[in-house]
Amino acid sequence: MVDLIDNLSKIELARLLCEMLRRVRNNQSYTQRIGRTDLHELNQILIERLKEKGMGSGEIPGFIRNLTNALLANPHSNHLHMNEELHLLGWHDLDLDYRTFEVARACCERGF
């Protein structure tokens, strides 16, 4: 690695470092990227995303309760596994996408 760096020009080295930083930033989880967002904003984002997916306002509190319980029971699960859990609980009409799942996880981690 040292020999490689010695042979790179300053411009090539700068490009390499920029590319490495870009990759590190892109690999951050969605939860980390929204870390500065307050809980109220996260809740509103989650509610809006659920409404966009066709969920009615009256269904949202029950869905969030079931989702929270599923997350507490399986904190390391991904959105695909969580969809299976929610389908078993009767939520067949909604599939969580990755982004909505990460917002929900962030809400759950902060206490809804």
Protein backbone atom coordinates (compact mmCIF):
# COMPACT_ATOMS: atom_id res chain seq x y z
CA MET A 1 0.00 0.00 0.00
CA VAL A 2 2.83 2.41 0.86
CA ASP A 3 4.49 1.79 -2.52
CA LEU A 4 1.20 2.51 -4.25
CA ILE A 5 0.79 5.80 -2.38
CA ASP A 6 4.38 6.81 -3.17
CA ASN A 7 3.71 6.35 -6.88
CA LEU A 8 0.48 8.39 -6.90
CA SER A 9 0.50 12.06 -7.75
CA LYS A 10 -1.09 14.48 -5.32
CA ILE A 11 -4.13 14.81 -7.59
CA GLU A 12 -4.57 11.04 -7.86
CA LEU A 13 -4.20 10.71 -4.09
CA ALA A 14 -6.81 13.42 -3.53
CA ARG A 15 -9.21 11.66 -5.92
CA LEU A 16 -8.65 8.35 -4.14
CA LEU A 17 -9.33 9.91 -0.74
CA CYS A 18 -12.47 11.64 -2.02
CA GLU A 19 -13.74 8.35 -3.42
CA MET A 20 -13.05 6.58 -0.14
CA LEU A 21 -14.90 9.28 1.82
CA ARG A 22 -17.85 9.09 -0.59
CA ARG A 23 -18.07 5.34 -0.09
CA VAL A 24 -17.96 5.67 3.69
CA ARG A 25 -20.75 8.27 3.62
CA ASN A 26 -22.89 6.12 1.32
CA ASN A 27 -22.53 3.12 3.63
CA GLN A 28 -23.97 4.91 6.65
CA SER A 29 -27.36 3.58 7.65
CA TYR A 30 -30.43 5.71 7.12
CA THR A 31 -30.86 5.87 10.89
CA GLN A 32 -27.42 7.42 11.29
CA ARG A 33 -28.09 9.97 8.56
CA ILE A 34 -31.28 11.15 10.21
CA GLY A 35 -29.67 11.19 13.65
CA ARG A 36 -30.23 14.91 14.14
CA THR A 37 -33.92 14.77 13.32
CA ASP A 38 -36.11 15.16 16.37
CA LEU A 39 -38.68 12.58 17.41
CA HIS A 40 -41.72 14.60 16.36
CA GLU A 41 -40.34 15.02 12.85
CA LEU A 42 -39.55 11.30 12.62
CA ASN A 43 -43.06 10.41 13.72
CA GLN A 44 -44.52 12.74 11.11
CA ILE A 45 -42.29 11.27 8.39
CA LEU A 46 -43.37 7.75 9.35
CA ILE A 47 -47.07 8.67 9.38
CA GLU A 48 -46.79 10.37 5.97
CA ARG A 49 -44.96 7.40 4.48
CA LEU A 50 -47.63 5.02 5.79
CA LYS A 51 -50.39 7.22 4.37
CA GLU A 52 -48.59 7.28 1.00
CA LYS A 53 -48.67 3.48 1.09
CA GLY A 54 -52.45 3.60 1.43
CA MET A 55 -52.89 3.19 5.16
CA GLY A 56 -55.80 5.06 6.73
CA SER A 57 -55.34 7.41 9.67
CA GLY A 58 -57.39 5.12 11.91
CA GLU A 59 -55.16 2.12 11.18
CA ILE A 60 -51.83 3.84 11.83
CA PRO A 61 -51.81 3.68 15.68
CA GLY A 62 -52.53 -0.06 15.68
CA PHE A 63 -49.96 -0.70 12.97
CA ILE A 64 -47.31 1.30 14.85
CA ARG A 65 -48.12 -0.63 18.05
CA ASN A 66 -47.70 -3.97 16.24
CA LEU A 67 -44.56 -2.77 14.48
CA THR A 68 -43.04 -1.55 17.75
CA ASN A 69 -43.73 -4.88 19.45
CA ALA A 70 -42.25 -6.77 16.49
CA LEU A 71 -39.15 -4.56 16.54
CA LEU A 72 -38.72 -5.04 20.28
CA ALA A 73 -39.02 -8.81 19.87
CA ASN A 74 -36.65 -8.89 16.87
CA PRO A 75 -34.36 -5.83 17.11
CA HIS A 76 -31.88 -7.08 14.50
CA SER A 77 -34.36 -8.06 11.82
CA ASN A 78 -34.48 -6.44 8.39
CA HIS A 79 -37.48 -5.03 6.55
CA LEU A 80 -38.15 -8.30 4.72
CA HIS A 81 -38.36 -10.29 7.94
CA MET A 82 -40.45 -7.54 9.53
CA ASN A 83 -42.91 -7.72 6.62
CA GLU A 84 -43.32 -11.45 7.30
CA GLU A 85 -43.95 -10.76 11.00
CA LEU A 86 -46.50 -8.06 10.19
CA HIS A 87 -48.27 -10.31 7.67
CA LEU A 88 -48.61 -12.95 10.40
CA LEU A 89 -50.27 -10.27 12.55
CA GLY A 90 -52.78 -9.54 9.79
CA TRP A 91 -51.18 -6.57 8.03
CA HIS A 92 -51.35 -8.11 4.55
CA ASP A 93 -52.08 -4.91 2.64
CA LEU A 94 -48.83 -3.14 3.51
CA ASP A 95 -45.24 -3.99 2.69
CA LEU A 96 -42.59 -1.90 4.39
CA ASP A 97 -39.85 -0.68 2.10
CA TYR A 98 -36.33 -0.25 3.45
CA ARG A 99 -36.59 3.51 4.05
CA THR A 100 -39.93 3.35 5.89
CA PHE A 101 -38.57 0.48 8.00
CA GLU A 102 -35.48 2.51 8.95
CA VAL A 103 -37.62 5.52 9.91
CA ALA A 104 -39.81 3.22 12.02
CA ARG A 105 -36.73 1.70 13.66
CA ALA A 106 -35.39 5.18 14.47
CA CYS A 107 -38.76 6.14 15.99
CA CYS A 108 -38.78 2.97 18.06
CA GLU A 109 -35.21 3.54 19.27
CA ARG A 110 -36.19 7.04 20.41
CA GLY A 111 -39.40 5.95 22.09
CA PHE A 112 -42.14 7.00 19.64
